[in-house]
Amino acid sequence: QRLTKMGKHTVNLDNKIANLRVTPFTLEMGIKFELHVTV
């Protein structure tokens, strides 16, 4: 949560400075259910 609020981050990738963005994201649709089996 802290990194997401900061947004931008400067990261050293093999002596090359990269400006990376941390963004919040929503996952795709999920499914929840209860499966009841009576033998």
All heavy atoms as atom14 arrays in JSON, in Angstrom:
{
  "sequence": "QRLTKMGKHTVNLDNKIANLRVTPFTLEMGIKFELHVTV",
  "atom14_mask": [
    [1, 1, 1, 1, 1, 1, 1, 1, 1, 0, 0, 0, 0, 0],
    [1, 1, 1, 1, 1, 1, 1, 1, 1, 1, 1, 0, 0, 0],
    [1, 1, 1, 1, 1, 1, 1, 1, 0, 0, 0, 0, 0, 0],
    [1, 1, 1, 1, 1, 1, 1, 0, 0, 0, 0, 0, 0, 0],
    [1, 1, 1, 1, 1, 1, 1, 1, 1, 0, 0, 0, 0, 0],
    [1, 1, 1, 1, 1, 1, 1, 1, 0, 0, 0, 0, 0, 0],
    [1, 1, 1, 1, 0, 0, 0, 0, 0, 0, 0, 0, 0, 0],
    [1, 1, 1, 1, 1, 1, 1, 1, 1, 0, 0, 0, 0, 0],
    [1, 1, 1, 1, 1, 1, 1, 1, 1, 1, 0, 0, 0, 0],
    [1, 1, 1, 1, 1, 1, 1, 0, 0, 0, 0, 0, 0, 0],
    [1, 1, 1, 1, 1, 1, 1, 0, 0, 0, 0, 0, 0, 0],
    [1, 1, 1, 1, 1, 1, 1, 1, 0, 0, 0, 0, 0, 0],
    [1, 1, 1, 1, 1, 1, 1, 1, 0, 0, 0, 0, 0, 0],
    [1, 1, 1, 1, 1, 1, 1, 1, 0, 0, 0, 0, 0, 0],
    [1, 1, 1, 1, 1, 1, 1, 1, 0, 0, 0, 0, 0, 0],
    [1, 1, 1, 1, 1, 1, 1, 1, 1, 0, 0, 0, 0, 0],
    [1, 1, 1, 1, 1, 1, 1, 1, 0, 0, 0, 0, 0, 0],
    [1, 1, 1, 1, 1, 0, 0, 0, 0, 0, 0, 0, 0, 0],
    [1, 1, 1, 1, 1, 1, 1, 1, 0, 0, 0, 0, 0, 0],
    [1, 1, 1, 1, 1, 1, 1, 1, 0, 0, 0, 0, 0, 0],
    [1, 1, 1, 1, 1, 1, 1, 1, 1, 1, 1, 0, 0, 0],
    [1, 1, 1, 1, 1, 1, 1, 0, 0, 0, 0, 0, 0, 0],
    [1, 1, 1, 1, 1, 1, 1, 0, 0, 0, 0, 0, 0, 0],
    [1, 1, 1, 1, 1, 1, 1, 0, 0, 0, 0, 0, 0, 0],
    [1, 1, 1, 1, 1, 1, 1, 1, 1, 1, 1, 0, 0, 0],
    [1, 1, 1, 1, 1, 1, 1, 0, 0, 0, 0, 0, 0, 0],
    [1, 1, 1, 1, 1, 1, 1, 1, 0, 0, 0, 0, 0, 0],
    [1, 1, 1, 1, 1, 1, 1, 1, 1, 0, 0, 0, 0, 0],
    [1, 1, 1, 1, 1, 1, 1, 1, 0, 0, 0, 0, 0, 0],
    [1, 1, 1, 1, 0, 0, 0, 0, 0, 0, 0, 0, 0, 0],
    [1, 1, 1, 1, 1, 1, 1, 1, 0, 0, 0, 0, 0, 0],
    [1, 1, 1, 1, 1, 1, 1, 1, 1, 0, 0, 0, 0, 0],
    [1, 1, 1, 1, 1, 1, 1, 1, 1, 1, 1, 0, 0, 0],
    [1, 1, 1, 1, 1, 1, 1, 1, 1, 0, 0, 0, 0, 0],
    [1, 1, 1, 1, 1, 1, 1, 1, 0, 0, 0, 0, 0, 0],
    [1, 1, 1, 1, 1, 1, 1, 1, 1, 1, 0, 0, 0, 0],
    [1, 1, 1, 1, 1, 1, 1, 0, 0, 0, 0, 0, 0, 0],
    [1, 1, 1, 1, 1, 1, 1, 0, 0, 0, 0, 0, 0, 0],
    [1, 1, 1, 1, 1, 1, 1, 0, 0, 0, 0, 0, 0, 0]
  ],
  "atom14_positions": [
    [[0.82, -1.2, 0.0], [0.0, 0.0, 0.0], [0.86, 1.26, 0.0], [0.55, 2.25, -0.68], [-0.93, 0.0, 1.22], [-1.93, -1.16, 1.26], [-2.83, -1.2, 0.04], [-3.44, -0.2, -0.32], [-2.92, -2.34, -0.6], [0.0, 0.0, 0.0], [0.0, 0.0, 0.0], [0.0, 0.0, 0.0], [0.0, 0.0, 0.0], [0.0, 0.0, 0.0]],
    [[1.97, 1.22, 0.73], [2.88, 2.37, 0.81], [3.54, 2.64, -0.55], [3.6, 3.79, -1.01], [3.94, 2.12, 1.87], [4.93, 3.27, 2.04], [5.8, 3.08, 3.27], [6.65, 1.91, 3.16], [6.57, 0.86, 3.99], [5.68, 0.83, 4.97], [7.39, -0.18, 3.86], [0.0, 0.0, 0.0], [0.0, 0.0, 0.0], [0.0, 0.0, 0.0]],
    [[3.99, 1.6, -1.21], [4.64, 1.75, -2.52], [3.66, 2.24, -3.58], [4.01, 3.02, -4.46], [5.25, 0.42, -2.95], [6.44, -0.08, -2.12], [6.8, -1.51, -2.5], [7.65, 0.83, -2.3], [0.0, 0.0, 0.0], [0.0, 0.0, 0.0], [0.0, 0.0, 0.0], [0.0, 0.0, 0.0], [0.0, 0.0, 0.0], [0.0, 0.0, 0.0]],
    [[2.41, 1.76, -3.48], [1.38, 2.2, -4.43], [1.09, 3.69, -4.27], [0.93, 4.42, -5.27], [0.09, 1.38, -4.25], [0.37, 0.0, -4.4], [-0.97, 1.79, -5.26], [0.0, 0.0, 0.0], [0.0, 0.0, 0.0], [0.0, 0.0, 0.0], [0.0, 0.0, 0.0], [0.0, 0.0, 0.0], [0.0, 0.0, 0.0], [0.0, 0.0, 0.0]],
    [[1.03, 4.17, -3.03], [0.77, 5.6, -2.79], [1.91, 6.48, -3.3], [1.69, 7.59, -3.77], [0.57, 5.84, -1.3], [-0.78, 5.35, -0.78], [-0.93, 5.61, 0.71], [-2.26, 5.09, 1.23], [-2.41, 5.28, 2.69], [0.0, 0.0, 0.0], [0.0, 0.0, 0.0], [0.0, 0.0, 0.0], [0.0, 0.0, 0.0], [0.0, 0.0, 0.0]],
    [[3.15, 5.98, -3.23], [4.31, 6.73, -3.71], [4.25, 6.89, -5.23], [4.69, 7.91, -5.78], [5.61, 6.04, -3.31], [5.87, 6.07, -1.81], [7.28, 5.04, -1.35], [8.63, 5.9, -2.17], [0.0, 0.0, 0.0], [0.0, 0.0, 0.0], [0.0, 0.0, 0.0], [0.0, 0.0, 0.0], [0.0, 0.0, 0.0], [0.0, 0.0, 0.0]],
    [[3.74, 5.89, -5.93], [3.53, 6.0, -7.38], [4.77, 5.74, -8.21], [4.86, 4.75, -8.91], [0.0, 0.0, 0.0], [0.0, 0.0, 0.0], [0.0, 0.0, 0.0], [0.0, 0.0, 0.0], [0.0, 0.0, 0.0], [0.0, 0.0, 0.0], [0.0, 0.0, 0.0], [0.0, 0.0, 0.0], [0.0, 0.0, 0.0], [0.0, 0.0, 0.0]],
    [[5.77, 6.66, -8.16], [6.96, 6.54, -9.01], [8.16, 6.08, -8.19], [8.34, 6.47, -7.05], [7.26, 7.87, -9.69], [6.19, 8.31, -10.68], [6.56, 9.63, -11.35], [5.5, 10.03, -12.36], [5.85, 11.33, -13.03], [0.0, 0.0, 0.0], [0.0, 0.0, 0.0], [0.0, 0.0, 0.0], [0.0, 0.0, 0.0], [0.0, 0.0, 0.0]],
    [[8.99, 5.25, -8.85], [10.18, 4.71, -8.18], [11.36, 4.68, -9.14], [11.21, 4.29, -10.31], [9.9, 3.29, -7.67], [8.8, 3.22, -6.66], [9.01, 3.32, -5.31], [7.44, 3.11, -6.83], [7.85, 3.24, -4.69], [6.89, 3.12, -5.58], [0.0, 0.0, 0.0], [0.0, 0.0, 0.0], [0.0, 0.0, 0.0], [0.0, 0.0, 0.0]],
    [[12.51, 5.09, -8.65], [13.74, 5.06, -9.44], [14.53, 3.81, -9.06], [14.95, 3.66, -7.93], [14.59, 6.32, -9.19], [13.8, 7.48, -9.5], [15.83, 6.32, -10.05], [0.0, 0.0, 0.0], [0.0, 0.0, 0.0], [0.0, 0.0, 0.0], [0.0, 0.0, 0.0], [0.0, 0.0, 0.0], [0.0, 0.0, 0.0], [0.0, 0.0, 0.0]],
    [[14.72, 2.94, -10.05], [15.35, 1.64, -9.79], [16.6, 1.51, -10.65], [16.6, 1.86, -11.84], [14.37, 0.49, -10.12], [15.02, -0.85, -9.81], [13.08, 0.66, -9.33], [0.0, 0.0, 0.0], [0.0, 0.0, 0.0], [0.0, 0.0, 0.0], [0.0, 0.0, 0.0], [0.0, 0.0, 0.0], [0.0, 0.0, 0.0], [0.0, 0.0, 0.0]],
    [[17.69, 1.01, -10.05], [18.94, 0.78, -10.76], [18.92, -0.62, -11.35], [19.0, -1.61, -10.64], [20.12, 0.94, -9.8], [21.46, 0.95, -10.52], [21.57, 0.41, -11.62], [22.46, 1.53, -9.91], [0.0, 0.0, 0.0], [0.0, 0.0, 0.0], [0.0, 0.0, 0.0], [0.0, 0.0, 0.0], [0.0, 0.0, 0.0], [0.0, 0.0, 0.0]],
    [[18.82, -0.68, -12.68], [18.82, -1.97, -13.37], [20.13, -2.11, -14.14], [20.29, -1.59, -15.24], [17.62, -2.07, -14.33], [16.22, -2.0, -13.7], [15.16, -2.09, -14.77], [16.04, -3.09, -12.66], [0.0, 0.0, 0.0], [0.0, 0.0, 0.0], [0.0, 0.0, 0.0], [0.0, 0.0, 0.0], [0.0, 0.0, 0.0], [0.0, 0.0, 0.0]],
    [[21.09, -2.79, -13.51], [22.4, -3.02, -14.13], [23.04, -1.7, -14.56], [23.41, -1.52, -15.73], [22.26, -3.97, -15.32], [23.6, -4.57, -15.73], [24.54, -4.52, -14.91], [23.7, -5.05, -16.87], [0.0, 0.0, 0.0], [0.0, 0.0, 0.0], [0.0, 0.0, 0.0], [0.0, 0.0, 0.0], [0.0, 0.0, 0.0], [0.0, 0.0, 0.0]],
    [[23.16, -0.78, -13.59], [23.78, 0.55, -13.8], [23.0, 1.43, -14.77], [23.52, 2.42, -15.28], [25.23, 0.4, -14.28], [26.09, -0.3, -13.25], [25.96, -0.05, -12.05], [26.95, -1.2, -13.71], [0.0, 0.0, 0.0], [0.0, 0.0, 0.0], [0.0, 0.0, 0.0], [0.0, 0.0, 0.0], [0.0, 0.0, 0.0], [0.0, 0.0, 0.0]],
    [[21.78, 1.09, -15.04], [20.9, 1.94, -15.84], [19.72, 2.33, -14.97], [19.06, 1.49, -14.38], [20.41, 1.18, -17.09], [21.52, 0.86, -18.08], [20.98, 0.08, -19.26], [22.12, -0.31, -20.21], [21.63, -1.12, -21.34], [0.0, 0.0, 0.0], [0.0, 0.0, 0.0], [0.0, 0.0, 0.0], [0.0, 0.0, 0.0], [0.0, 0.0, 0.0]],
    [[19.49, 3.64, -14.9], [18.41, 4.15, -14.06], [17.09, 4.04, -14.8], [16.94, 4.51, -15.93], [18.67, 5.61, -13.64], [20.0, 5.72, -12.89], [17.52, 6.12, -12.78], [20.07, 4.86, -11.64], [0.0, 0.0, 0.0], [0.0, 0.0, 0.0], [0.0, 0.0, 0.0], [0.0, 0.0, 0.0], [0.0, 0.0, 0.0], [0.0, 0.0, 0.0]],
    [[16.12, 3.38, -14.16], [14.79, 3.23, -14.76], [13.76, 3.85, -13.84], [13.77, 3.65, -12.63], [14.48, 1.76, -14.96], [0.0, 0.0, 0.0], [0.0, 0.0, 0.0], [0.0, 0.0, 0.0], [0.0, 0.0, 0.0], [0.0, 0.0, 0.0], [0.0, 0.0, 0.0], [0.0, 0.0, 0.0], [0.0, 0.0, 0.0], [0.0, 0.0, 0.0]],
    [[12.89, 4.65, -14.41], [11.79, 5.26, -13.66], [10.54, 4.4, -13.84], [9.94, 4.38, -14.91], [11.54, 6.69, -14.16], [12.7, 7.6, -13.85], [13.21, 7.62, -12.73], [13.17, 8.35, -14.85], [0.0, 0.0, 0.0], [0.0, 0.0, 0.0], [0.0, 0.0, 0.0], [0.0, 0.0, 0.0], [0.0, 0.0, 0.0], [0.0, 0.0, 0.0]],
    [[10.21, 3.68, -12.8], [9.09, 2.75, -12.85], [7.87, 3.31, -12.14], [7.99, 4.11, -11.21], [9.48, 1.42, -12.22], [10.78, 0.77, -12.72], [10.97, -0.59, -12.07], [10.78, 0.65, -14.24], [0.0, 0.0, 0.0], [0.0, 0.0, 0.0], [0.0, 0.0, 0.0], [0.0, 0.0, 0.0], [0.0, 0.0, 0.0], [0.0, 0.0, 0.0]],
    [[6.71, 2.88, -12.58], [5.44, 3.33, -11.98], [4.77, 2.14, -11.29], [4.68, 1.05, -11.86], [4.5, 3.91, -13.04], [5.05, 5.09, -13.79], [3.99, 5.73, -14.67], [3.19, 4.77, -15.43], [3.58, 4.23, -16.58], [4.76, 4.53, -17.07], [2.78, 3.38, -17.23], [0.0, 0.0, 0.0], [0.0, 0.0, 0.0], [0.0, 0.0, 0.0]],
    [[4.31, 2.4, -10.08], [3.51, 1.4, -9.37], [2.05, 1.83, -9.48], [1.69, 2.94, -9.08], [3.92, 1.3, -7.88], [2.97, 0.37, -7.14], [5.35, 0.77, -7.77], [0.0, 0.0, 0.0], [0.0, 0.0, 0.0], [0.0, 0.0, 0.0], [0.0, 0.0, 0.0], [0.0, 0.0, 0.0], [0.0, 0.0, 0.0], [0.0, 0.0, 0.0]],
    [[1.24, 0.97, -10.04], [-0.17, 1.32, -10.24], [-1.08, 0.29, -9.59], [-0.8, -0.91, -9.62], [-0.51, 1.4, -11.75], [-0.25, 0.12, -12.34], [0.34, 2.45, -12.44], [0.0, 0.0, 0.0], [0.0, 0.0, 0.0], [0.0, 0.0, 0.0], [0.0, 0.0, 0.0], [0.0, 0.0, 0.0], [0.0, 0.0, 0.0], [0.0, 0.0, 0.0]],
    [[-2.17, 0.75, -9.0], [-3.16, -0.22, -8.48], [-3.85, -0.9, -9.65], [-3.94, -0.34, -10.74], [-4.13, 0.67, -7.69], [-3.98, 2.03, -8.28], [-2.57, 2.14, -8.78], [0.0, 0.0, 0.0], [0.0, 0.0, 0.0], [0.0, 0.0, 0.0], [0.0, 0.0, 0.0], [0.0, 0.0, 0.0], [0.0, 0.0, 0.0], [0.0, 0.0, 0.0]],
    [[-4.32, -2.1, -9.46], [-4.96, -2.83, -10.55], [-6.08, -3.7, -10.01], [-6.05, -4.13, -8.86], [-3.93, -3.69, -11.3], [-3.32, -4.77, -10.46], [-3.8, -6.07, -10.51], [-2.28, -4.48, -9.58], [-3.24, -7.06, -9.71], [-1.73, -5.47, -8.79], [-2.21, -6.76, -8.86], [0.0, 0.0, 0.0], [0.0, 0.0, 0.0], [0.0, 0.0, 0.0]],
    [[-7.04, -3.95, -10.86], [-8.18, -4.81, -10.51], [-8.05, -6.13, -11.26], [-7.77, -6.14, -12.45], [-9.51, -4.13, -10.88], [-9.58, -2.88, -10.22], [-10.69, -5.0, -10.46], [0.0, 0.0, 0.0], [0.0, 0.0, 0.0], [0.0, 0.0, 0.0], [0.0, 0.0, 0.0], [0.0, 0.0, 0.0], [0.0, 0.0, 0.0], [0.0, 0.0, 0.0]],
    [[-8.22, -7.21, -10.56], [-8.14, -8.52, -11.19], [-9.37, -8.78, -12.05], [-10.38, -8.1, -11.95], [-8.04, -9.6, -10.11], [-6.83, -9.48, -9.18], [-6.97, -10.46, -8.02], [-5.55, -9.74, -9.92], [0.0, 0.0, 0.0], [0.0, 0.0, 0.0], [0.0, 0.0, 0.0], [0.0, 0.0, 0.0], [0.0, 0.0, 0.0], [0.0, 0.0, 0.0]],
    [[-9.25, -9.78, -12.91], [-10.38, -10.16, -13.74], [-11.48, -10.8, -12.89], [-11.31, -10.99, -11.7], [-9.92, -11.11, -14.85], [-8.97, -10.44, -15.85], [-8.51, -11.4, -16.92], [-9.26, -12.35, -17.24], [-7.4, -11.22, -17.44], [0.0, 0.0, 0.0], [0.0, 0.0, 0.0], [0.0, 0.0, 0.0], [0.0, 0.0, 0.0], [0.0, 0.0, 0.0]],
    [[-12.56, -11.14, -13.54], [-13.72, -11.66, -12.81], [-13.4, -12.99, -12.14], [-12.82, -13.89, -12.73], [-14.88, -11.85, -13.79], [-16.22, -12.05, -13.11], [-16.8, -10.55, -12.29], [-17.3, -9.58, -13.7], [0.0, 0.0, 0.0], [0.0, 0.0, 0.0], [0.0, 0.0, 0.0], [0.0, 0.0, 0.0], [0.0, 0.0, 0.0], [0.0, 0.0, 0.0]],
    [[-13.79, -13.1, -10.89], [-13.63, -14.35, -10.15], [-14.99, -14.95, -9.83], [-16.02, -14.3, -9.97], [0.0, 0.0, 0.0], [0.0, 0.0, 0.0], [0.0, 0.0, 0.0], [0.0, 0.0, 0.0], [0.0, 0.0, 0.0], [0.0, 0.0, 0.0], [0.0, 0.0, 0.0], [0.0, 0.0, 0.0], [0.0, 0.0, 0.0], [0.0, 0.0, 0.0]],
    [[-14.98, -16.2, -9.41], [-16.21, -16.92, -9.1], [-16.09, -17.54, -7.71], [-15.06, -18.12, -7.38], [-16.47, -18.03, -10.13], [-16.59, -17.45, -11.55], [-17.73, -18.81, -9.78], [-16.64, -18.5, -12.62], [0.0, 0.0, 0.0], [0.0, 0.0, 0.0], [0.0, 0.0, 0.0], [0.0, 0.0, 0.0], [0.0, 0.0, 0.0], [0.0, 0.0, 0.0]],
    [[-17.14, -17.39, -6.93], [-17.2, -18.04, -5.61], [-18.49, -18.85, -5.53], [-19.54, -18.38, -5.96], [-17.17, -17.01, -4.49], [-15.86, -16.25, -4.36], [-15.93, -15.2, -3.27], [-15.83, -15.81, -1.9], [-15.71, -14.78, -0.84], [0.0, 0.0, 0.0], [0.0, 0.0, 0.0], [0.0, 0.0, 0.0], [0.0, 0.0, 0.0], [0.0, 0.0, 0.0]],
    [[-18.39, -20.05, -4.99], [-19.6, -20.86, -4.8], [-19.31, -21.97, -3.8], [-18.16, -22.3, -3.51], [-20.07, -21.46, -6.14], [-19.06, -22.36, -6.81], [-18.98, -23.7, -6.51], [-18.2, -21.83, -7.76], [-18.06, -24.53, -7.12], [-17.26, -22.64, -8.38], [-17.19, -23.99, -8.06], [0.0, 0.0, 0.0], [0.0, 0.0, 0.0], [0.0, 0.0, 0.0]],
    [[-20.39, -22.54, -3.3], [-20.31, -23.72, -2.44], [-20.87, -24.9, -3.23], [-21.94, -24.81, -3.82], [-21.12, -23.53, -1.16], [-20.52, -22.54, -0.19], [-21.35, -22.42, 1.09], [-22.36, -23.15, 1.22], [-20.98, -21.61, 1.94], [0.0, 0.0, 0.0], [0.0, 0.0, 0.0], [0.0, 0.0, 0.0], [0.0, 0.0, 0.0], [0.0, 0.0, 0.0]],
    [[-20.12, -26.01, -3.25], [-20.56, -27.21, -3.94], [-21.01, -28.24, -2.91], [-20.22, -28.66, -2.07], [-19.41, -27.77, -4.8], [-19.73, -29.01, -5.64], [-20.76, -28.67, -6.7], [-18.46, -29.55, -6.26], [0.0, 0.0, 0.0], [0.0, 0.0, 0.0], [0.0, 0.0, 0.0], [0.0, 0.0, 0.0], [0.0, 0.0, 0.0], [0.0, 0.0, 0.0]],
    [[-22.27, -28.62, -2.97], [-22.82, -29.59, -2.03], [-23.09, -30.92, -2.75], [-23.78, -30.94, -3.76], [-24.12, -29.07, -1.42], [-23.93, -27.86, -0.56], [-23.88, -27.93, 0.82], [-23.74, -26.55, -0.88], [-23.69, -26.72, 1.31], [-23.6, -25.87, 0.3], [0.0, 0.0, 0.0], [0.0, 0.0, 0.0], [0.0, 0.0, 0.0], [0.0, 0.0, 0.0]],
    [[-22.52, -31.99, -2.24], [-22.69, -33.32, -2.83], [-23.29, -34.26, -1.79], [-22.73, -34.44, -0.71], [-21.34, -33.88, -3.32], [-21.54, -35.25, -3.96], [-20.67, -32.94, -4.31], [0.0, 0.0, 0.0], [0.0, 0.0, 0.0], [0.0, 0.0, 0.0], [0.0, 0.0, 0.0], [0.0, 0.0, 0.0], [0.0, 0.0, 0.0], [0.0, 0.0, 0.0]],
    [[-24.44, -34.85, -2.11], [-25.09, -35.82, -1.22], [-25.13, -37.17, -1.93], [-25.76, -37.31, -2.98], [-26.52, -35.38, -0.88], [-26.49, -34.06, -0.32], [-27.14, -36.32, 0.13], [0.0, 0.0, 0.0], [0.0, 0.0, 0.0], [0.0, 0.0, 0.0], [0.0, 0.0, 0.0], [0.0, 0.0, 0.0], [0.0, 0.0, 0.0], [0.0, 0.0, 0.0]],
    [[-24.42, -38.15, -1.38], [-24.38, -39.49, -1.97], [-25.56, -40.31, -1.46], [-25.78, -40.42, -0.25], [-23.04, -40.19, -1.64], [-23.02, -41.6, -2.24], [-21.87, -39.37, -2.16], [0.0, 0.0, 0.0], [0.0, 0.0, 0.0], [0.0, 0.0, 0.0], [0.0, 0.0, 0.0], [0.0, 0.0, 0.0], [0.0, 0.0, 0.0], [0.0, 0.0, 0.0]]
  ]
}
